[in-house]
């Protein structure tokens, strides 16, 4: 399905649709740190909506590919989204770039691939 994630998630919430697994892999929201505030709001909004339609016991795969959002900040955004959605969950796994995706010491933004596998209680 090819659709606008915000519109689709909002429609699912309005219709009361729920899912036992969700994969959320949006495009790059923050190519640089200068875009981090706007991107953080966008990540939080779509993650909050996804939490709202995730069944208890469900699994949520959420990803970010924005160099301007660190893995630590991404974790905080997802945690805040879950809290705002009233969902209790835990991180099952943290993910990052594959070994063939080099990162240099002098360019931390090169570690832009990040993901969390979240289990809803």
N, C-alpha and C. Protein backbone atom coordinates (compact mmCIF):
# COMPACT_ATOMS: atom_id res chain seq x y z
N UNK A 1 0.84 -1.17 0.00
CA UNK A 1 0.00 0.00 0.00
C UNK A 1 0.89 1.24 0.00
N UNK A 2 0.61 2.19 -0.83
CA UNK A 2 1.32 3.45 -0.91
C UNK A 2 0.36 4.54 -0.46
N UNK A 3 0.65 5.14 0.72
CA UNK A 3 -0.28 6.12 1.27
C UNK A 3 0.47 7.09 2.18
N UNK A 4 -0.16 8.19 2.51
CA UNK A 4 0.37 9.16 3.45
C UNK A 4 0.26 8.56 4.85
N UNK A 5 1.39 8.40 5.53
CA UNK A 5 1.39 7.73 6.83
C UNK A 5 0.55 8.48 7.86
N UNK A 6 0.64 9.81 7.87
CA UNK A 6 -0.14 10.58 8.85
C UNK A 6 -1.63 10.39 8.63
N UNK A 7 -2.06 10.53 7.39
CA UNK A 7 -3.50 10.38 7.10
C UNK A 7 -3.97 8.96 7.39
N UNK A 8 -3.18 7.98 7.00
CA UNK A 8 -3.57 6.58 7.23
C UNK A 8 -3.66 6.26 8.71
N UNK A 9 -2.66 6.66 9.49
CA UNK A 9 -2.68 6.37 10.92
C UNK A 9 -3.84 7.08 11.61
N UNK A 10 -4.10 8.33 11.22
CA UNK A 10 -5.22 9.05 11.82
C UNK A 10 -6.55 8.37 11.47
N UNK A 11 -6.66 7.89 10.26
CA UNK A 11 -7.87 7.17 9.85
C UNK A 11 -8.03 5.88 10.65
N UNK A 12 -6.94 5.16 10.86
CA UNK A 12 -7.00 3.93 11.66
C UNK A 12 -7.46 4.23 13.08
N UNK A 13 -6.93 5.31 13.67
CA UNK A 13 -7.32 5.70 15.03
C UNK A 13 -8.82 6.02 15.06
N UNK A 14 -9.28 6.84 14.11
CA UNK A 14 -10.70 7.23 14.06
C UNK A 14 -11.62 6.03 13.88
N UNK A 15 -11.20 5.05 13.09
CA UNK A 15 -12.03 3.87 12.81
C UNK A 15 -11.92 2.80 13.90
N UNK A 16 -10.97 2.97 14.81
CA UNK A 16 -10.78 1.97 15.85
C UNK A 16 -10.03 0.74 15.37
N UNK A 17 -9.35 0.86 14.23
CA UNK A 17 -8.55 -0.27 13.72
C UNK A 17 -7.32 -0.48 14.58
N UNK A 18 -6.96 -1.73 14.81
CA UNK A 18 -5.75 -2.05 15.56
C UNK A 18 -4.98 -3.15 14.83
N UNK A 19 -3.70 -3.26 15.17
CA UNK A 19 -2.82 -4.20 14.50
C UNK A 19 -1.90 -4.87 15.51
N UNK A 20 -1.52 -6.11 15.23
CA UNK A 20 -0.61 -6.81 16.15
C UNK A 20 0.85 -6.57 15.79
N UNK A 21 1.12 -5.99 14.64
CA UNK A 21 2.48 -5.63 14.25
C UNK A 21 2.43 -4.40 13.36
N UNK A 22 3.36 -3.49 13.60
CA UNK A 22 3.46 -2.26 12.82
C UNK A 22 4.92 -2.03 12.48
N UNK A 23 5.18 -1.68 11.23
CA UNK A 23 6.51 -1.27 10.78
C UNK A 23 6.40 0.17 10.34
N UNK A 24 7.16 1.04 10.98
CA UNK A 24 7.13 2.46 10.68
C UNK A 24 8.53 2.86 10.23
N UNK A 25 8.70 3.13 8.94
CA UNK A 25 10.00 3.46 8.36
C UNK A 25 9.86 4.69 7.47
N UNK A 26 9.74 5.87 8.10
CA UNK A 26 9.50 7.09 7.33
C UNK A 26 10.76 7.57 6.61
N UNK A 27 10.60 8.51 5.69
CA UNK A 27 11.77 9.09 5.03
C UNK A 27 12.54 9.98 6.01
N UNK A 28 13.68 10.45 5.55
CA UNK A 28 14.54 11.31 6.36
C UNK A 28 13.79 12.60 6.70
N UNK A 29 13.61 12.86 8.00
CA UNK A 29 12.95 14.09 8.44
C UNK A 29 13.95 15.19 8.79
N UNK A 30 15.17 14.81 9.18
CA UNK A 30 16.17 15.80 9.61
C UNK A 30 17.53 15.47 9.00
N UNK A 31 17.82 16.06 7.83
CA UNK A 31 19.13 15.79 7.23
C UNK A 31 20.29 16.36 8.05
N UNK A 32 20.00 17.42 8.84
CA UNK A 32 21.02 18.02 9.69
C UNK A 32 20.42 18.34 11.05
N UNK A 33 21.28 18.70 11.99
CA UNK A 33 20.83 19.05 13.34
C UNK A 33 19.91 20.28 13.29
N UNK A 34 20.09 21.14 12.32
CA UNK A 34 19.25 22.34 12.21
C UNK A 34 17.78 21.99 12.02
N UNK A 35 17.50 20.81 11.52
CA UNK A 35 16.12 20.37 11.29
C UNK A 35 15.57 19.49 12.42
N UNK A 36 16.34 19.32 13.48
CA UNK A 36 16.01 18.35 14.52
C UNK A 36 14.69 18.64 15.23
N UNK A 37 14.40 19.90 15.55
CA UNK A 37 13.17 20.21 16.28
C UNK A 37 11.93 19.83 15.47
N UNK A 38 11.90 20.23 14.23
CA UNK A 38 10.76 19.91 13.36
C UNK A 38 10.65 18.40 13.16
N UNK A 39 11.79 17.76 12.96
CA UNK A 39 11.80 16.31 12.75
C UNK A 39 11.35 15.57 14.00
N UNK A 40 11.78 16.03 15.16
CA UNK A 40 11.38 15.38 16.42
C UNK A 40 9.86 15.40 16.57
N UNK A 41 9.24 16.52 16.22
CA UNK A 41 7.77 16.61 16.29
C UNK A 41 7.12 15.63 15.32
N UNK A 42 7.68 15.54 14.11
CA UNK A 42 7.11 14.62 13.11
C UNK A 42 7.27 13.17 13.54
N UNK A 43 8.47 12.80 14.03
CA UNK A 43 8.68 11.43 14.51
C UNK A 43 7.73 11.13 15.68
N UNK A 44 7.60 12.08 16.60
CA UNK A 44 6.75 11.83 17.76
C UNK A 44 5.30 11.63 17.34
N UNK A 45 4.83 12.44 16.42
CA UNK A 45 3.44 12.36 16.01
C UNK A 45 3.13 11.01 15.36
N UNK A 46 3.95 10.57 14.42
CA UNK A 46 3.64 9.30 13.76
C UNK A 46 3.83 8.11 14.69
N UNK A 47 4.81 8.20 15.59
CA UNK A 47 4.99 7.11 16.55
C UNK A 47 3.85 7.05 17.55
N UNK A 48 3.36 8.21 17.99
CA UNK A 48 2.21 8.26 18.91
C UNK A 48 0.99 7.62 18.26
N UNK A 49 0.73 7.99 17.02
CA UNK A 49 -0.41 7.41 16.31
C UNK A 49 -0.25 5.90 16.14
N UNK A 50 0.96 5.46 15.81
CA UNK A 50 1.19 4.02 15.65
C UNK A 50 0.96 3.29 16.98
N UNK A 51 1.42 3.87 18.09
CA UNK A 51 1.17 3.25 19.40
C UNK A 51 -0.33 3.12 19.67
N UNK A 52 -1.10 4.10 19.24
CA UNK A 52 -2.54 4.09 19.49
C UNK A 52 -3.25 2.95 18.76
N UNK A 53 -2.68 2.49 17.67
CA UNK A 53 -3.34 1.41 16.91
C UNK A 53 -2.63 0.06 17.08
N UNK A 54 -1.70 -0.01 18.01
CA UNK A 54 -0.98 -1.26 18.28
C UNK A 54 -1.71 -2.05 19.37
N UNK A 55 -2.03 -3.29 19.06
CA UNK A 55 -2.70 -4.16 20.02
C UNK A 55 -1.82 -4.45 21.24
N UNK A 56 -2.42 -4.64 22.41
CA UNK A 56 -1.65 -5.14 23.55
C UNK A 56 -0.97 -6.45 23.15
N UNK A 57 0.29 -6.58 23.51
CA UNK A 57 1.08 -7.75 23.12
C UNK A 57 1.67 -7.63 21.73
N UNK A 58 1.37 -6.52 21.04
CA UNK A 58 1.86 -6.32 19.68
C UNK A 58 3.31 -5.86 19.64
N UNK A 59 3.88 -5.97 18.46
CA UNK A 59 5.27 -5.56 18.24
C UNK A 59 5.30 -4.39 17.27
N UNK A 60 6.16 -3.44 17.56
CA UNK A 60 6.26 -2.20 16.81
C UNK A 60 7.72 -2.01 16.39
N UNK A 61 7.95 -2.00 15.09
CA UNK A 61 9.28 -1.75 14.54
C UNK A 61 9.28 -0.30 14.06
N UNK A 62 10.10 0.54 14.67
CA UNK A 62 10.14 1.94 14.28
C UNK A 62 11.57 2.34 13.93
N UNK A 63 11.70 3.07 12.84
CA UNK A 63 13.01 3.40 12.31
C UNK A 63 13.12 4.90 12.05
N UNK A 64 14.35 5.36 12.03
CA UNK A 64 14.68 6.73 11.66
C UNK A 64 15.98 6.73 10.88
N UNK A 65 16.05 7.58 9.88
CA UNK A 65 17.27 7.67 9.07
C UNK A 65 17.75 9.11 8.99
N UNK A 66 17.44 9.90 10.00
CA UNK A 66 17.81 11.31 10.02
C UNK A 66 19.12 11.51 10.76
N UNK A 67 20.11 12.05 10.06
CA UNK A 67 21.40 12.33 10.68
C UNK A 67 21.31 13.35 11.79
N UNK A 68 20.30 14.23 11.74
CA UNK A 68 20.14 15.25 12.76
C UNK A 68 19.49 14.77 14.04
N UNK A 69 19.09 13.51 14.09
CA UNK A 69 18.46 12.92 15.29
C UNK A 69 19.35 11.76 15.75
N UNK A 70 19.93 11.90 16.93
CA UNK A 70 20.79 10.83 17.47
C UNK A 70 19.94 9.64 17.91
N UNK A 71 20.60 8.50 18.09
CA UNK A 71 19.90 7.30 18.56
C UNK A 71 19.29 7.56 19.94
N UNK A 72 20.00 8.29 20.79
CA UNK A 72 19.49 8.60 22.13
C UNK A 72 18.24 9.48 22.04
N UNK A 73 18.28 10.50 21.19
CA UNK A 73 17.12 11.37 21.02
C UNK A 73 15.95 10.60 20.40
N UNK A 74 16.23 9.73 19.45
CA UNK A 74 15.18 8.92 18.84
C UNK A 74 14.48 8.07 19.89
N UNK A 75 15.27 7.45 20.77
CA UNK A 75 14.71 6.65 21.87
C UNK A 75 13.79 7.52 22.73
N UNK A 76 14.23 8.72 23.08
CA UNK A 76 13.43 9.62 23.92
C UNK A 76 12.14 10.03 23.20
N UNK A 77 12.23 10.27 21.91
CA UNK A 77 11.04 10.64 21.13
C UNK A 77 10.02 9.51 21.14
N UNK A 78 10.49 8.29 20.90
CA UNK A 78 9.58 7.13 20.86
C UNK A 78 8.99 6.89 22.25
N UNK A 79 9.81 7.01 23.28
CA UNK A 79 9.31 6.83 24.65
C UNK A 79 8.24 7.88 24.98
N UNK A 80 8.47 9.11 24.59
CA UNK A 80 7.50 10.17 24.83
C UNK A 80 6.21 9.94 24.04
N UNK A 81 6.34 9.44 22.82
CA UNK A 81 5.16 9.13 22.00
C UNK A 81 4.33 8.03 22.66
N UNK A 82 4.99 7.01 23.17
CA UNK A 82 4.28 5.93 23.86
C UNK A 82 3.57 6.44 25.11
N UNK A 83 4.25 7.30 25.84
CA UNK A 83 3.66 7.88 27.05
C UNK A 83 2.43 8.72 26.70
N UNK A 84 2.56 9.56 25.67
CA UNK A 84 1.43 10.39 25.25
C UNK A 84 0.25 9.54 24.76
N UNK A 85 0.55 8.38 24.20
CA UNK A 85 -0.51 7.48 23.71
C UNK A 85 -1.10 6.64 24.85
N UNK A 86 -0.50 6.73 26.04
CA UNK A 86 -0.98 5.95 27.18
C UNK A 86 -0.64 4.48 27.08
N UNK A 87 0.47 4.18 26.41
CA UNK A 87 0.87 2.79 26.16
C UNK A 87 2.09 2.43 27.00
N UNK A 88 2.02 1.30 27.66
CA UNK A 88 3.16 0.77 28.41
C UNK A 88 3.86 -0.23 27.49
N UNK A 89 5.16 -0.06 27.33
CA UNK A 89 5.89 -0.93 26.41
C UNK A 89 7.34 -1.04 26.86
N UNK A 90 8.07 -1.92 26.18
CA UNK A 90 9.49 -2.05 26.47
C UNK A 90 10.25 -2.28 25.18
N UNK A 91 11.52 -1.90 25.21
CA UNK A 91 12.38 -2.07 24.04
C UNK A 91 12.91 -3.49 24.03
N UNK A 92 12.60 -4.19 22.98
CA UNK A 92 13.07 -5.56 22.80
C UNK A 92 14.46 -5.57 22.15
N UNK A 93 14.69 -4.63 21.23
CA UNK A 93 15.97 -4.59 20.52
C UNK A 93 16.21 -3.19 19.96
N UNK A 94 17.50 -2.80 19.93
CA UNK A 94 17.94 -1.57 19.27
C UNK A 94 18.67 -1.97 18.00
N UNK A 95 18.47 -1.21 16.94
CA UNK A 95 19.13 -1.53 15.68
C UNK A 95 19.84 -0.30 15.13
N UNK A 96 20.83 -0.57 14.31
CA UNK A 96 21.58 0.49 13.65
C UNK A 96 22.01 0.02 12.28
N UNK A 97 22.93 0.74 11.71
CA UNK A 97 23.44 0.38 10.39
C UNK A 97 24.17 -0.95 10.41
N UNK A 98 24.19 -1.59 9.28
CA UNK A 98 24.89 -2.87 9.12
C UNK A 98 26.41 -2.65 9.17
N UNK A 99 27.17 -3.71 9.42
CA UNK A 99 28.63 -3.57 9.49
C UNK A 99 29.25 -2.98 8.21
N UNK A 100 28.60 -3.15 7.08
CA UNK A 100 29.15 -2.58 5.85
C UNK A 100 28.78 -1.11 5.66
N UNK A 101 28.20 -0.49 6.69
CA UNK A 101 27.85 0.92 6.66
C UNK A 101 28.82 1.66 7.58
N UNK A 102 29.97 2.10 7.05
CA UNK A 102 31.01 2.67 7.92
C UNK A 102 30.61 4.00 8.54
N UNK A 103 31.11 4.23 9.74
CA UNK A 103 30.91 5.50 10.44
C UNK A 103 32.29 6.00 10.86
N UNK A 104 32.53 7.28 10.68
CA UNK A 104 33.82 7.82 11.07
C UNK A 104 33.73 8.53 12.42
N UNK A 105 34.83 8.63 13.08
CA UNK A 105 34.90 9.29 14.39
C UNK A 105 34.55 10.76 14.28
N UNK A 106 34.94 11.38 13.19
CA UNK A 106 34.75 12.82 13.02
C UNK A 106 33.41 13.23 12.43
N UNK A 107 32.54 12.25 12.14
CA UNK A 107 31.25 12.57 11.53
C UNK A 107 30.17 11.73 12.18
N UNK A 108 29.75 12.11 13.42
CA UNK A 108 28.75 11.31 14.14
C UNK A 108 27.42 11.23 13.41
N UNK A 109 27.12 12.21 12.55
CA UNK A 109 25.87 12.18 11.80
C UNK A 109 25.83 11.00 10.82
N UNK A 110 27.00 10.40 10.57
CA UNK A 110 27.06 9.23 9.71
C UNK A 110 26.38 8.02 10.32
N UNK A 111 26.14 8.09 11.62
CA UNK A 111 25.42 7.01 12.32
C UNK A 111 23.93 7.36 12.33
N UNK A 112 23.39 7.54 11.15
CA UNK A 112 22.02 8.03 11.04
C UNK A 112 20.97 6.93 11.03
N UNK A 113 21.34 5.70 10.75
CA UNK A 113 20.36 4.61 10.73
C UNK A 113 20.11 4.11 12.15
N UNK A 114 18.86 4.10 12.54
CA UNK A 114 18.52 3.65 13.90
C UNK A 114 17.13 3.04 13.88
N UNK A 115 16.93 2.11 14.79
CA UNK A 115 15.62 1.48 14.87
C UNK A 115 15.41 0.87 16.24
N UNK A 116 14.15 0.73 16.59
CA UNK A 116 13.77 0.09 17.85
C UNK A 116 12.68 -0.95 17.57
N UNK A 117 12.81 -2.08 18.23
CA UNK A 117 11.73 -3.06 18.23
C UNK A 117 11.09 -2.92 19.61
N UNK A 118 9.84 -2.49 19.61
CA UNK A 118 9.14 -2.19 20.86
C UNK A 118 7.98 -3.18 21.02
N UNK A 119 7.87 -3.73 22.19
CA UNK A 119 6.79 -4.66 22.51
C UNK A 119 5.81 -3.93 23.44
N UNK A 120 4.54 -3.97 23.07
CA UNK A 120 3.52 -3.36 23.91
C UNK A 120 3.05 -4.33 24.98
N UNK A 121 2.96 -3.85 26.19
CA UNK A 121 2.47 -4.69 27.29
C UNK A 121 0.97 -4.78 27.25
